[in-house]
Amino acid sequence: MSGNRQKFKIIFGSTLLLIIVLVIFSINAGSIPIPLPEVLAALLGKGSADDQLTIFQFRLPRIVMALLVGMGISLSGALLQGVSRNSLADPGILGINAGAGFAIVTYIFFFQGTLFLNGWASIYIMPLAALIGAFFAAFSIYVLSLKEGRTTPIRLLLMGMGVNAAFHAGLIILQLKMEPNNFLRALTWLSGSIWGTNWNYVLALLPWIVLLTPLALLKARVLDILQTGEQIATGVGVHVDRERKGLLAIAVTLAGVCVAVGGGITFLGLIVPHIARRLVGPKHAYGLPLTAALGAFLLLAADTLARVIMAPAELPVGLVVSMLGAPYFIYLLL
């Protein structure tokens, strides 16, 4: 067994163990702490009715949602960095999150008062609305960055920043025209908030993650080849344009559906792939699974901190992630 493979297994296993420990701690933490023995008893089906209600109907759905969103956004960032060969690529920085967010806020503005689109129906419609916005943003970035039929990583990044600014301007205009209740809801959501604290939101997101995560992992070898450059990749039989479009579709879909339920969480897709590469090297067969695990761990840690640091009030988890991600982004630019 190679040294890199052994190192990956140790780090990946340690990350999974940390996730399990953090899940137990997160169940315990909150405005109403539940002692660890009672948490374990409730998980085994032997706890009190109140503990089981709190854990299974409020805290566990939010924990599972944080894990899924962390996985999805981090994998999206890793795929975007691999496809663009740009270490600064991230669904938040490139404007994909803003496009999905604009679609969601537009949906809230025009349809939230419609009875048919309220309640349970909106849970399943919101990811579709976010997908439309995310793909429109990605398409706009790709078309605007083309020059003589080709694009470059730096043009993608700059056009992404421009599209991001345009969508944010549109978001401000919509928010100013909203009713106060919808305005506050949109503002909290845009700041990044794991607000879907019931199993319906988990079921709306879970199929996307279950389907797209294995597809992303299966493309690890293609991503490795793309890093060698377009000419070499074509020479070894890779259909570069088709593979790039497929990988971009996976990345954009992951970002869109995660934004629909997790809000505007930025920098997670930027910093987690970098941490994974520093730990296990540039090989995507190791980096992608570790990115997914680290993303799940970091977002759950940030959400737990957001819940307890000012309890009973809560900070938007996106602000906690930004406090960690913004300094790292500046470091990368330097």
C-alpha atoms as a PDB file:
ATOM      1  CA  MET A   1       0.000   0.000   0.000  1.00  0.00           C
ATOM      2  CA  SER A   2       1.426   3.371  -1.022  1.00  0.00           C
ATOM      3  CA  GLY A   3       2.259   6.022   1.538  1.00  0.00           C
ATOM      4  CA  ASN A   4      -0.225   8.511   0.046  1.00  0.00           C
ATOM      5  CA  ARG A   5      -3.063   5.979   0.168  1.00  0.00           C
ATOM      6  CA  GLN A   6      -2.262   5.105   3.765  1.00  0.00           C
ATOM      7  CA  LYS A   7      -2.112   8.800   4.677  1.00  0.00           C
ATOM      8  CA  PHE A   8      -5.472   9.404   2.981  1.00  0.00           C
ATOM      9  CA  LYS A   9      -7.120   6.540   4.872  1.00  0.00           C
ATOM     10  CA  ILE A  10      -5.845   7.835   8.205  1.00  0.00           C
ATOM     11  CA  ILE A  11      -6.909  11.448   7.565  1.00  0.00           C
ATOM     12  CA  PHE A  12     -10.268  10.480   6.041  1.00  0.00           C
ATOM     13  CA  GLY A  13     -11.041   8.069   8.889  1.00  0.00           C
ATOM     14  CA  SER A  14     -10.066  10.694  11.462  1.00  0.00           C
ATOM     15  CA  THR A  15     -12.354  13.229   9.790  1.00  0.00           C
ATOM     16  CA  LEU A  16     -15.297  10.805   9.882  1.00  0.00           C
ATOM     17  CA  LEU A  17     -14.614  10.150  13.567  1.00  0.00           C
ATOM     18  CA  LEU A  18     -14.549  13.899  14.243  1.00  0.00           C
ATOM     19  CA  ILE A  19     -17.884  14.262  12.433  1.00  0.00           C
ATOM     20  CA  ILE A  20     -19.459  11.608  14.682  1.00  0.00           C
ATOM     21  CA  VAL A  21     -18.132  13.341  17.804  1.00  0.00           C
ATOM     22  CA  LEU A  22     -19.327  16.723  16.534  1.00  0.00           C
ATOM     23  CA  VAL A  23     -22.807  15.340  15.739  1.00  0.00           C
ATOM     24  CA  ILE A  24     -23.169  14.122  19.329  1.00  0.00           C
ATOM     25  CA  PHE A  25     -21.914  17.455  20.667  1.00  0.00           C
ATOM     26  CA  SER A  26     -24.219  19.399  18.337  1.00  0.00           C
ATOM     27  CA  ILE A  27     -27.227  17.372  19.517  1.00  0.00           C
ATOM     28  CA  ASN A  28     -26.282  18.272  23.082  1.00  0.00           C
ATOM     29  CA  ALA A  29     -25.660  21.970  22.386  1.00  0.00           C
ATOM     30  CA  GLY A  30     -28.320  24.627  22.079  1.00  0.00           C
ATOM     31  CA  SER A  31     -30.540  26.941  24.068  1.00  0.00           C
ATOM     32  CA  ILE A  32     -31.792  23.853  25.959  1.00  0.00           C
ATOM     33  CA  PRO A  33     -28.732  21.640  26.627  1.00  0.00           C
ATOM     34  CA  ILE A  34     -29.387  17.903  26.794  1.00  0.00           C
ATOM     35  CA  PRO A  35     -26.875  15.930  28.893  1.00  0.00           C
ATOM     36  CA  LEU A  36     -24.835  13.363  26.973  1.00  0.00           C
ATOM     37  CA  PRO A  37     -26.337  10.277  28.706  1.00  0.00           C
ATOM     38  CA  GLU A  38     -29.822  11.509  27.796  1.00  0.00           C
ATOM     39  CA  VAL A  39     -28.706  12.136  24.200  1.00  0.00           C
ATOM     40  CA  LEU A  40     -27.428   8.566  23.906  1.00  0.00           C
ATOM     41  CA  ALA A  41     -30.593   7.216  25.530  1.00  0.00           C
ATOM     42  CA  ALA A  42     -32.788   9.156  23.076  1.00  0.00           C
ATOM     43  CA  LEU A  43     -30.746   7.932  20.090  1.00  0.00           C
ATOM     44  CA  LEU A  44     -31.267   4.369  21.308  1.00  0.00           C
ATOM     45  CA  GLY A  45     -35.011   4.980  21.633  1.00  0.00           C
ATOM     46  CA  LYS A  46     -35.011   4.972  25.429  1.00  0.00           C
ATOM     47  CA  GLY A  47     -35.107   8.717  26.159  1.00  0.00           C
ATOM     48  CA  SER A  48     -37.963  10.868  27.376  1.00  0.00           C
ATOM     49  CA  ALA A  49     -40.645  12.077  24.977  1.00  0.00           C
ATOM     50  CA  ASP A  50     -39.420  15.685  25.247  1.00  0.00           C
ATOM     51  CA  ASP A  51     -35.807  14.719  24.492  1.00  0.00           C
ATOM     52  CA  GLN A  52     -36.834  12.598  21.526  1.00  0.00           C
ATOM     53  CA  LEU A  53     -38.988  15.403  20.143  1.00  0.00           C
ATOM     54  CA  THR A  54     -36.185  17.963  20.492  1.00  0.00           C
ATOM     55  CA  ILE A  55     -33.542  15.675  19.006  1.00  0.00           C
ATOM     56  CA  PHE A  56     -35.400  13.928  16.190  1.00  0.00           C
ATOM     57  CA  GLN A  57     -37.697  16.740  15.040  1.00  0.00           C
ATOM     58  CA  PHE A  58     -35.507  19.824  15.521  1.00  0.00           C
ATOM     59  CA  ARG A  59     -31.805  19.157  15.981  1.00  0.00           C
ATOM     60  CA  LEU A  60     -31.114  16.065  13.865  1.00  0.00           C
ATOM     61  CA  PRO A  61     -32.743  17.463  10.672  1.00  0.00           C
ATOM     62  CA  ARG A  62     -30.631  20.594  10.991  1.00  0.00           C
ATOM     63  CA  ILE A  63     -27.478  18.569  11.634  1.00  0.00           C
ATOM     64  CA  VAL A  64     -28.104  16.334   8.618  1.00  0.00           C
ATOM     65  CA  MET A  65     -28.871  19.411   6.504  1.00  0.00           C
ATOM     66  CA  ALA A  66     -25.587  21.062   7.549  1.00  0.00           C
ATOM     67  CA  LEU A  67     -23.644  17.904   6.657  1.00  0.00           C
ATOM     68  CA  LEU A  68     -25.288  17.630   3.228  1.00  0.00           C
ATOM     69  CA  VAL A  69     -24.894  21.319   2.379  1.00  0.00           C
ATOM     70  CA  GLY A  70     -21.251  21.291   3.526  1.00  0.00           C
ATOM     71  CA  MET A  71     -20.540  18.289   1.304  1.00  0.00           C
ATOM     72  CA  GLY A  72     -22.288  19.774  -1.714  1.00  0.00           C
ATOM     73  CA  ILE A  73     -20.770  23.253  -1.618  1.00  0.00           C
ATOM     74  CA  SER A  74     -17.244  21.954  -0.933  1.00  0.00           C
ATOM     75  CA  LEU A  75     -17.410  19.431  -3.776  1.00  0.00           C
ATOM     76  CA  SER A  76     -18.755  22.134  -6.075  1.00  0.00           C
ATOM     77  CA  GLY A  77     -15.768  24.324  -5.245  1.00  0.00           C
ATOM     78  CA  ALA A  78     -13.303  21.464  -5.818  1.00  0.00           C
ATOM     79  CA  LEU A  79     -14.846  20.697  -9.225  1.00  0.00           C
ATOM     80  CA  LEU A  80     -14.812  24.357 -10.269  1.00  0.00           C
ATOM     81  CA  GLN A  81     -11.159  24.708  -9.249  1.00  0.00           C
ATOM     82  CA  GLY A  82     -10.268  21.534 -11.128  1.00  0.00           C
ATOM     83  CA  VAL A  83     -12.140  22.442 -14.314  1.00  0.00           C
ATOM     84  CA  SER A  84     -10.947  26.059 -14.446  1.00  0.00           C
ATOM     85  CA  ARG A  85      -7.438  25.253 -13.127  1.00  0.00           C
ATOM     86  CA  ASN A  86      -7.905  28.296 -10.935  1.00  0.00           C
ATOM     87  CA  SER A  87      -7.277  28.025  -7.200  1.00  0.00           C
ATOM     88  CA  LEU A  88      -9.586  30.992  -6.525  1.00  0.00           C
ATOM     89  CA  ALA A  89     -12.675  29.443  -8.154  1.00  0.00           C
ATOM     90  CA  ASP A  90     -15.643  29.062  -5.812  1.00  0.00           C
ATOM     91  CA  PRO A  91     -19.417  29.054  -6.422  1.00  0.00           C
ATOM     92  CA  GLY A  92     -19.760  32.116  -4.181  1.00  0.00           C
ATOM     93  CA  ILE A  93     -16.971  34.153  -5.749  1.00  0.00           C
ATOM     94  CA  LEU A  94     -17.893  33.203  -9.329  1.00  0.00           C
ATOM     95  CA  GLY A  95     -21.489  34.381  -8.891  1.00  0.00           C
ATOM     96  CA  ILE A  96     -23.224  30.992  -9.085  1.00  0.00           C
ATOM     97  CA  ASN A  97     -24.503  31.337  -5.513  1.00  0.00           C
ATOM     98  CA  ALA A  98     -25.698  34.858  -6.286  1.00  0.00           C
ATOM     99  CA  GLY A  99     -27.584  33.608  -9.356  1.00  0.00           C
ATOM    100  CA  ALA A 100     -29.290  30.898  -7.305  1.00  0.00           C
ATOM    101  CA  GLY A 101     -29.996  33.427  -4.558  1.00  0.00           C
ATOM    102  CA  PHE A 102     -31.517  35.883  -7.018  1.00  0.00           C
ATOM    103  CA  ALA A 103     -33.857  33.163  -8.284  1.00  0.00           C
ATOM    104  CA  ILE A 104     -34.883  32.230  -4.734  1.00  0.00           C
ATOM    105  CA  VAL A 105     -35.539  35.838  -3.690  1.00  0.00           C
ATOM    106  CA  THR A 106     -37.488  36.396  -6.923  1.00  0.00           C
ATOM    107  CA  TYR A 107     -39.582  33.354  -6.050  1.00  0.00           C
ATOM    108  CA  ILE A 108     -40.205  34.699  -2.522  1.00  0.00           C
ATOM    109  CA  PHE A 109     -41.091  38.130  -3.920  1.00  0.00           C
ATOM    110  CA  PHE A 110     -43.595  36.983  -6.551  1.00  0.00           C
ATOM    111  CA  PHE A 111     -44.995  33.678  -5.308  1.00  0.00           C
ATOM    112  CA  GLN A 112     -44.635  33.376  -1.551  1.00  0.00           C
ATOM    113  CA  GLY A 113     -48.167  34.622  -1.018  1.00  0.00           C
ATOM    114  CA  THR A 114     -49.637  32.081  -3.451  1.00  0.00           C
ATOM    115  CA  LEU A 115     -51.387  29.308  -1.544  1.00  0.00           C
ATOM    116  CA  PHE A 116     -50.355  26.534  -3.946  1.00  0.00           C
ATOM    117  CA  LEU A 117     -46.691  27.512  -3.700  1.00  0.00           C
ATOM    118  CA  ASN A 118     -46.722  27.821   0.060  1.00  0.00           C
ATOM    119  CA  GLY A 119     -46.043  25.183   2.698  1.00  0.00           C
ATOM    120  CA  TRP A 120     -44.742  21.775   1.624  1.00  0.00           C
ATOM    121  CA  ALA A 121     -44.877  22.557  -2.111  1.00  0.00           C
ATOM    122  CA  SER A 122     -42.363  25.400  -1.779  1.00  0.00           C
ATOM    123  CA  ILE A 123     -39.834  23.010  -0.192  1.00  0.00           C
ATOM    124  CA  TYR A 124     -39.505  21.093  -3.461  1.00  0.00           C
ATOM    125  CA  ILE A 125     -39.926  24.057  -5.797  1.00  0.00           C
ATOM    126  CA  MET A 126     -37.162  26.148  -4.217  1.00  0.00           C
ATOM    127  CA  PRO A 127     -34.293  23.826  -5.319  1.00  0.00           C
ATOM    128  CA  LEU A 128     -35.625  23.957  -8.883  1.00  0.00           C
ATOM    129  CA  ALA A 129     -35.783  27.762  -8.758  1.00  0.00           C
ATOM    130  CA  ALA A 130     -32.233  27.861  -7.402  1.00  0.00           C
ATOM    131  CA  LEU A 131     -31.047  25.547 -10.193  1.00  0.00           C
ATOM    132  CA  ILE A 132     -32.495  27.845 -12.838  1.00  0.00           C
ATOM    133  CA  GLY A 133     -30.705  30.822 -11.296  1.00  0.00           C
ATOM    134  CA  ALA A 134     -27.424  28.952 -10.869  1.00  0.00           C
ATOM    135  CA  PHE A 135     -27.371  27.673 -14.457  1.00  0.00           C
ATOM    136  CA  PHE A 136     -28.292  31.103 -15.819  1.00  0.00           C
ATOM    137  CA  ALA A 137     -25.388  32.617 -13.871  1.00  0.00           C
ATOM    138  CA  ALA A 138     -22.961  29.907 -15.042  1.00  0.00           C
ATOM    139  CA  PHE A 139     -24.097  30.286 -18.666  1.00  0.00           C
ATOM    140  CA  SER A 140     -23.703  34.082 -18.477  1.00  0.00           C
ATOM    141  CA  ILE A 141     -20.199  33.771 -17.022  1.00  0.00           C
ATOM    142  CA  TYR A 142     -19.129  31.249 -19.668  1.00  0.00           C
ATOM    143  CA  VAL A 143     -20.501  33.264 -22.607  1.00  0.00           C
ATOM    144  CA  LEU A 144     -19.092  36.580 -21.382  1.00  0.00           C
ATOM    145  CA  SER A 145     -15.646  35.085 -20.750  1.00  0.00           C
ATOM    146  CA  LEU A 146     -15.360  33.679 -24.279  1.00  0.00           C
ATOM    147  CA  LYS A 147     -12.849  35.387 -26.531  1.00  0.00           C
ATOM    148  CA  GLU A 148     -12.266  34.015 -30.041  1.00  0.00           C
ATOM    149  CA  GLY A 149     -14.056  30.838 -29.002  1.00  0.00           C
ATOM    150  CA  ARG A 150     -11.853  30.218 -25.967  1.00  0.00           C
ATOM    151  CA  THR A 151     -11.801  31.195 -22.330  1.00  0.00           C
ATOM    152  CA  THR A 152      -9.091  31.427 -19.693  1.00  0.00           C
ATOM    153  CA  PRO A 153      -9.160  30.907 -15.908  1.00  0.00           C
ATOM    154  CA  ILE A 154      -8.528  34.593 -15.189  1.00  0.00           C
ATOM    155  CA  ARG A 155     -11.361  35.678 -17.530  1.00  0.00           C
ATOM    156  CA  LEU A 156     -13.732  33.218 -15.826  1.00  0.00           C
ATOM    157  CA  LEU A 157     -12.813  34.635 -12.431  1.00  0.00           C
ATOM    158  CA  LEU A 158     -13.175  38.285 -13.467  1.00  0.00           C
ATOM    159  CA  MET A 159     -16.456  37.727 -15.321  1.00  0.00           C
ATOM    160  CA  GLY A 160     -17.720  35.724 -12.360  1.00  0.00           C
ATOM    161  CA  MET A 161     -17.016  38.632 -10.048  1.00  0.00           C
ATOM    162  CA  GLY A 162     -18.822  40.968 -12.425  1.00  0.00           C
ATOM    163  CA  VAL A 163     -21.886  38.695 -12.688  1.00  0.00           C
ATOM    164  CA  ASN A 164     -21.812  38.299  -8.898  1.00  0.00           C
ATOM    165  CA  ALA A 165     -21.970  42.087  -8.463  1.00  0.00           C
ATOM    166  CA  ALA A 166     -24.822  42.378 -10.976  1.00  0.00           C
ATOM    167  CA  PHE A 167     -26.937  39.747  -9.206  1.00  0.00           C
ATOM    168  CA  HIS A 168     -26.281  41.352  -5.825  1.00  0.00           C
ATOM    169  CA  ALA A 169     -27.504  44.679  -7.204  1.00  0.00           C
ATOM    170  CA  GLY A 170     -30.683  42.961  -8.416  1.00  0.00           C
ATOM    171  CA  LEU A 171     -31.113  41.348  -4.998  1.00  0.00           C
ATOM    172  CA  ILE A 172     -30.990  44.747  -3.292  1.00  0.00           C
ATOM    173  CA  ILE A 173     -33.641  46.138  -5.651  1.00  0.00           C
ATOM    174  CA  LEU A 174     -35.978  43.203  -4.957  1.00  0.00           C
ATOM    175  CA  GLN A 175     -35.427  43.402  -1.201  1.00  0.00           C
ATOM    176  CA  LEU A 176     -36.308  47.098  -1.139  1.00  0.00           C
ATOM    177  CA  LYS A 177     -39.687  46.277  -2.713  1.00  0.00           C
ATOM    178  CA  MET A 178     -40.514  43.399  -0.353  1.00  0.00           C
ATOM    179  CA  GLU A 179     -42.943  43.259   2.515  1.00  0.00           C
ATOM    180  CA  PRO A 180     -41.144  43.536   5.901  1.00  0.00           C
ATOM    181  CA  ASN A 181     -41.621  39.850   6.792  1.00  0.00           C
ATOM    182  CA  ASN A 182     -40.379  38.607   3.439  1.00  0.00           C
ATOM    183  CA  PHE A 183     -37.522  41.112   3.552  1.00  0.00           C
ATOM    184  CA  LEU A 184     -36.287  39.766   6.899  1.00  0.00           C
ATOM    185  CA  ARG A 185     -36.654  36.189   5.667  1.00  0.00           C
ATOM    186  CA  ALA A 186     -34.682  36.927   2.503  1.00  0.00           C
ATOM    187  CA  LEU A 187     -32.003  38.843   4.440  1.00  0.00           C
ATOM    188  CA  THR A 188     -31.480  35.981   6.895  1.00  0.00           C
ATOM    189  CA  TRP A 189     -31.422  33.452   4.079  1.00  0.00           C
ATOM    190  CA  LEU A 190     -28.914  35.448   2.009  1.00  0.00           C
ATOM    191  CA  SER A 191     -26.595  35.699   5.019  1.00  0.00           C
ATOM    192  CA  GLY A 192     -26.401  31.907   5.057  1.00  0.00           C
ATOM    193  CA  SER A 193     -28.705  30.029   7.370  1.00  0.00           C
ATOM    194  CA  ILE A 194     -29.492  26.327   7.800  1.00  0.00           C
ATOM    195  CA  TRP A 195     -33.137  27.222   8.247  1.00  0.00           C
ATOM    196  CA  GLY A 196     -34.791  24.051   6.895  1.00  0.00           C
ATOM    197  CA  THR A 197     -35.105  22.357  10.278  1.00  0.00           C
ATOM    198  CA  ASN A 198     -37.458  19.537   9.321  1.00  0.00           C
ATOM    199  CA  TRP A 199     -37.094  16.260   7.446  1.00  0.00           C
ATOM    200  CA  ASN A 200     -38.959  17.537   4.365  1.00  0.00           C
ATOM    201  CA  TYR A 201     -36.047  19.849   3.539  1.00  0.00           C
ATOM    202  CA  VAL A 202     -33.617  16.974   4.061  1.00  0.00           C
ATOM    203  CA  LEU A 203     -35.635  14.803   1.657  1.00  0.00           C
ATOM    204  CA  ALA A 204     -35.692  17.634  -0.900  1.00  0.00           C
ATOM    205  CA  LEU A 205     -31.878  17.899  -0.868  1.00  0.00           C
ATOM    206  CA  LEU A 206     -30.819  14.301  -0.230  1.00  0.00           C
ATOM    207  CA  PRO A 207     -31.528  12.835  -3.711  1.00  0.00           C
ATOM    208  CA  TRP A 208     -29.377  15.495  -5.389  1.00  0.00           C
ATOM    209  CA  ILE A 209     -26.420  14.838  -3.081  1.00  0.00           C
ATOM    210  CA  VAL A 210     -26.783  11.048  -3.310  1.00  0.00           C
ATOM    211  CA  LEU A 211     -26.883  11.194  -7.122  1.00  0.00           C
ATOM    212  CA  LEU A 212     -24.258  13.854  -7.838  1.00  0.00           C
ATOM    213  CA  THR A 213     -21.589  13.008  -5.243  1.00  0.00           C
ATOM    214  CA  PRO A 214     -20.732   9.588  -6.766  1.00  0.00           C
ATOM    215  CA  LEU A 215     -20.725  11.180 -10.244  1.00  0.00           C
ATOM    216  CA  ALA A 216     -18.210  13.757  -9.027  1.00  0.00           C
ATOM    217  CA  LEU A 217     -15.998  11.098  -7.417  1.00  0.00           C
ATOM    218  CA  LEU A 218     -16.044   9.007 -10.609  1.00  0.00           C
ATOM    219  CA  LYS A 219     -14.596  12.002 -12.496  1.00  0.00           C
ATOM    220  CA  ALA A 220     -11.467  12.160 -10.296  1.00  0.00           C
ATOM    221  CA  ARG A 221      -9.190  10.679 -12.980  1.00  0.00           C
ATOM    222  CA  VAL A 222     -10.573  13.065 -15.633  1.00  0.00           C
ATOM    223  CA  LEU A 223      -9.854  16.034 -13.358  1.00  0.00           C
ATOM    224  CA  ASP A 224      -6.283  14.808 -12.862  1.00  0.00           C
ATOM    225  CA  ILE A 225      -5.793  14.617 -16.628  1.00  0.00           C
ATOM    226  CA  LEU A 226      -7.306  18.076 -17.187  1.00  0.00           C
ATOM    227  CA  GLN A 227      -4.649  19.540 -14.885  1.00  0.00           C
ATOM    228  CA  THR A 228      -1.969  18.548 -17.430  1.00  0.00           C
ATOM    229  CA  GLY A 229      -3.362  20.969 -20.008  1.00  0.00           C
ATOM    230  CA  GLU A 230      -5.746  20.769 -22.936  1.00  0.00           C
ATOM    231  CA  GLN A 231      -3.255  19.416 -25.480  1.00  0.00           C
ATOM    232  CA  ILE A 232      -2.052  16.524 -23.322  1.00  0.00           C
ATOM    233  CA  ALA A 233      -5.596  15.701 -22.194  1.00  0.00           C
ATOM    234  CA  THR A 234      -6.750  15.544 -25.822  1.00  0.00           C
ATOM    235  CA  GLY A 235      -3.716  13.434 -26.692  1.00  0.00           C
ATOM    236  CA  VAL A 236      -4.637  10.740 -24.154  1.00  0.00           C
ATOM    237  CA  GLY A 237      -8.185  10.522 -25.488  1.00  0.00           C
ATOM    238  CA  VAL A 238     -10.142  12.854 -23.212  1.00  0.00           C
ATOM    239  CA  HIS A 239     -12.930  14.850 -24.875  1.00  0.00           C
ATOM    240  CA  VAL A 240     -11.969  18.042 -23.064  1.00  0.00           C
ATOM    241  CA  ASP A 241     -14.926  20.261 -23.980  1.00  0.00           C
ATOM    242  CA  ARG A 242     -17.519  17.573 -23.197  1.00  0.00           C
ATOM    243  CA  GLU A 243     -15.894  16.644 -19.885  1.00  0.00           C
ATOM    244  CA  ARG A 244     -15.637  20.283 -18.814  1.00  0.00           C
ATOM    245  CA  LYS A 245     -19.309  20.890 -19.547  1.00  0.00           C
ATOM    246  CA  GLY A 246     -20.317  17.757 -17.636  1.00  0.00           C
ATOM    247  CA  LEU A 247     -18.190  18.664 -14.623  1.00  0.00           C
ATOM    248  CA  LEU A 248     -19.484  22.241 -14.665  1.00  0.00           C
ATOM    249  CA  ALA A 249     -23.065  20.934 -14.757  1.00  0.00           C
ATOM    250  CA  ILE A 250     -22.391  18.783 -11.664  1.00  0.00           C
ATOM    251  CA  ALA A 251     -20.709  21.678  -9.845  1.00  0.00           C
ATOM    252  CA  VAL A 252     -23.437  24.196 -10.675  1.00  0.00           C
ATOM    253  CA  THR A 253     -26.222  21.768  -9.716  1.00  0.00           C
ATOM    254  CA  LEU A 254     -24.577  20.989  -6.369  1.00  0.00           C
ATOM    255  CA  ALA A 255     -24.142  24.686  -5.625  1.00  0.00           C
ATOM    256  CA  GLY A 256     -27.675  25.579  -6.694  1.00  0.00           C
ATOM    257  CA  VAL A 257     -29.550  22.986  -4.637  1.00  0.00           C
ATOM    258  CA  CYS A 258     -27.373  23.657  -1.574  1.00  0.00           C
ATOM    259  CA  VAL A 259     -27.969  27.394  -1.813  1.00  0.00           C
ATOM    260  CA  ALA A 260     -31.723  26.722  -1.978  1.00  0.00           C
ATOM    261  CA  VAL A 261     -31.732  25.290   1.554  1.00  0.00           C
ATOM    262  CA  GLY A 262     -28.526  26.735   3.036  1.00  0.00           C
ATOM    263  CA  GLY A 263     -28.580  30.299   1.789  1.00  0.00           C
ATOM    264  CA  GLY A 264     -25.619  32.359   0.647  1.00  0.00           C
ATOM    265  CA  ILE A 265     -22.755  30.454   2.276  1.00  0.00           C
ATOM    266  CA  THR A 266     -19.567  31.761   0.689  1.00  0.00           C
ATOM    267  CA  PHE A 267     -15.877  30.776   0.948  1.00  0.00           C
ATOM    268  CA  LEU A 268     -16.621  27.174   2.019  1.00  0.00           C
ATOM    269  CA  GLY A 269     -16.113  25.940  -1.553  1.00  0.00           C
ATOM    270  CA  LEU A 270     -12.881  27.939  -1.687  1.00  0.00           C
ATOM    271  CA  ILE A 271     -11.071  26.965   1.487  1.00  0.00           C
ATOM    272  CA  VAL A 272     -12.033  23.293   1.911  1.00  0.00           C
ATOM    273  CA  PRO A 273     -10.488  21.993  -1.374  1.00  0.00           C
ATOM    274  CA  HIS A 274      -7.275  23.840  -0.493  1.00  0.00           C
ATOM    275  CA  ILE A 275      -7.157  22.239   2.946  1.00  0.00           C
ATOM    276  CA  ALA A 276      -7.760  18.804   1.384  1.00  0.00           C
ATOM    277  CA  ARG A 277      -4.949  19.287  -1.156  1.00  0.00           C
ATOM    278  CA  ARG A 278      -2.544  20.348   1.580  1.00  0.00           C
ATOM    279  CA  LEU A 279      -3.391  17.207   3.558  1.00  0.00           C
ATOM    280  CA  VAL A 280      -3.412  14.505   0.843  1.00  0.00           C
ATOM    281  CA  GLY A 281      -1.876  16.126  -2.234  1.00  0.00           C
ATOM    282  CA  PRO A 282      -3.297  17.072  -5.655  1.00  0.00           C
ATOM    283  CA  LYS A 283      -4.676  13.654  -6.671  1.00  0.00           C
ATOM    284  CA  HIS A 284      -8.454  14.030  -6.942  1.00  0.00           C
ATOM    285  CA  ALA A 285      -9.157  10.391  -6.073  1.00  0.00           C
ATOM    286  CA  TYR A 286      -8.049  11.319  -2.548  1.00  0.00           C
ATOM    287  CA  GLY A 287      -8.880  15.021  -2.571  1.00  0.00           C
ATOM    288  CA  LEU A 288     -12.556  14.829  -3.562  1.00  0.00           C
ATOM    289  CA  PRO A 289     -13.711  12.395  -0.818  1.00  0.00           C
ATOM    290  CA  LEU A 290     -11.717  14.293   1.795  1.00  0.00           C
ATOM    291  CA  THR A 291     -13.148  17.591   0.522  1.00  0.00           C
ATOM    292  CA  ALA A 292     -16.682  16.247   1.000  1.00  0.00           C
ATOM    293  CA  ALA A 293     -15.912  15.027   4.532  1.00  0.00           C
ATOM    294  CA  LEU A 294     -14.091  18.205   5.573  1.00  0.00           C
ATOM    295  CA  GLY A 295     -16.862  20.390   4.126  1.00  0.00           C
ATOM    296  CA  ALA A 296     -19.477  18.488   6.116  1.00  0.00           C
ATOM    297  CA  PHE A 297     -17.397  18.798   9.289  1.00  0.00           C
ATOM    298  CA  LEU A 298     -16.593  22.492   8.909  1.00  0.00           C
ATOM    299  CA  LEU A 299     -20.144  23.599   8.104  1.00  0.00           C
ATOM    300  CA  LEU A 300     -21.595  21.578  10.988  1.00  0.00           C
ATOM    301  CA  ALA A 301     -18.948  23.064  13.295  1.00  0.00           C
ATOM    302  CA  ALA A 302     -19.784  26.581  12.063  1.00  0.00           C
ATOM    303  CA  ASP A 303     -23.534  25.976  12.444  1.00  0.00           C
ATOM    304  CA  THR A 304     -23.076  24.600  15.964  1.00  0.00           C
ATOM    305  CA  LEU A 305     -20.983  27.626  16.882  1.00  0.00           C
ATOM    306  CA  ALA A 306     -23.584  29.948  15.337  1.00  0.00           C
ATOM    307  CA  ARG A 307     -26.282  28.341  17.513  1.00  0.00           C
ATOM    308  CA  VAL A 308     -24.433  28.464  20.842  1.00  0.00           C
ATOM    309  CA  ILE A 309     -22.216  31.550  20.712  1.00  0.00           C
ATOM    310  CA  MET A 310     -25.139  33.950  21.318  1.00  0.00           C
ATOM    311  CA  ALA A 311     -27.797  31.514  22.585  1.00  0.00           C
ATOM    312  CA  PRO A 312     -30.767  31.758  22.628  1.00  0.00           C
ATOM    313  CA  ALA A 313     -30.202  34.068  19.618  1.00  0.00           C
ATOM    314  CA  GLU A 314     -28.493  32.613  16.541  1.00  0.00           C
ATOM    315  CA  LEU A 315     -25.903  33.983  14.148  1.00  0.00           C
ATOM    316  CA  PRO A 316     -26.305  33.189  10.437  1.00  0.00           C
ATOM    317  CA  VAL A 317     -23.888  30.350   9.719  1.00  0.00           C
ATOM    318  CA  GLY A 318     -22.737  32.157   6.573  1.00  0.00           C
ATOM    319  CA  LEU A 319     -21.239  34.911   8.733  1.00  0.00           C
ATOM    320  CA  VAL A 320     -19.252  32.385  10.766  1.00  0.00           C
ATOM    321  CA  VAL A 321     -17.935  30.725   7.595  1.00  0.00           C
ATOM    322  CA  SER A 322     -17.057  34.139   6.129  1.00  0.00           C
ATOM    323  CA  MET A 323     -15.077  35.066   9.231  1.00  0.00           C
ATOM    324  CA  LEU A 324     -12.939  31.997   8.564  1.00  0.00           C
ATOM    325  CA  GLY A 325     -12.910  32.202   4.777  1.00  0.00           C
ATOM    326  CA  ALA A 326     -12.256  35.892   4.126  1.00  0.00           C
ATOM    327  CA  PRO A 327      -8.758  35.918   5.721  1.00  0.00           C
ATOM    328  CA  TYR A 328      -7.864  32.751   3.789  1.00  0.00           C
ATOM    329  CA  PHE A 329      -9.064  34.335   0.539  1.00  0.00           C
ATOM    330  CA  ILE A 330      -6.836  37.353   1.176  1.00  0.00           C
ATOM    331  CA  TYR A 331      -3.957  34.976   1.927  1.00  0.00           C
ATOM    332  CA  LEU A 332      -4.479  33.206  -1.408  1.00  0.00           C
ATOM    333  CA  LEU A 333      -4.539  36.513  -3.292  1.00  0.00           C
ATOM    334  CA  LEU A 334      -1.279  37.554  -1.616  1.00  0.00           C
END
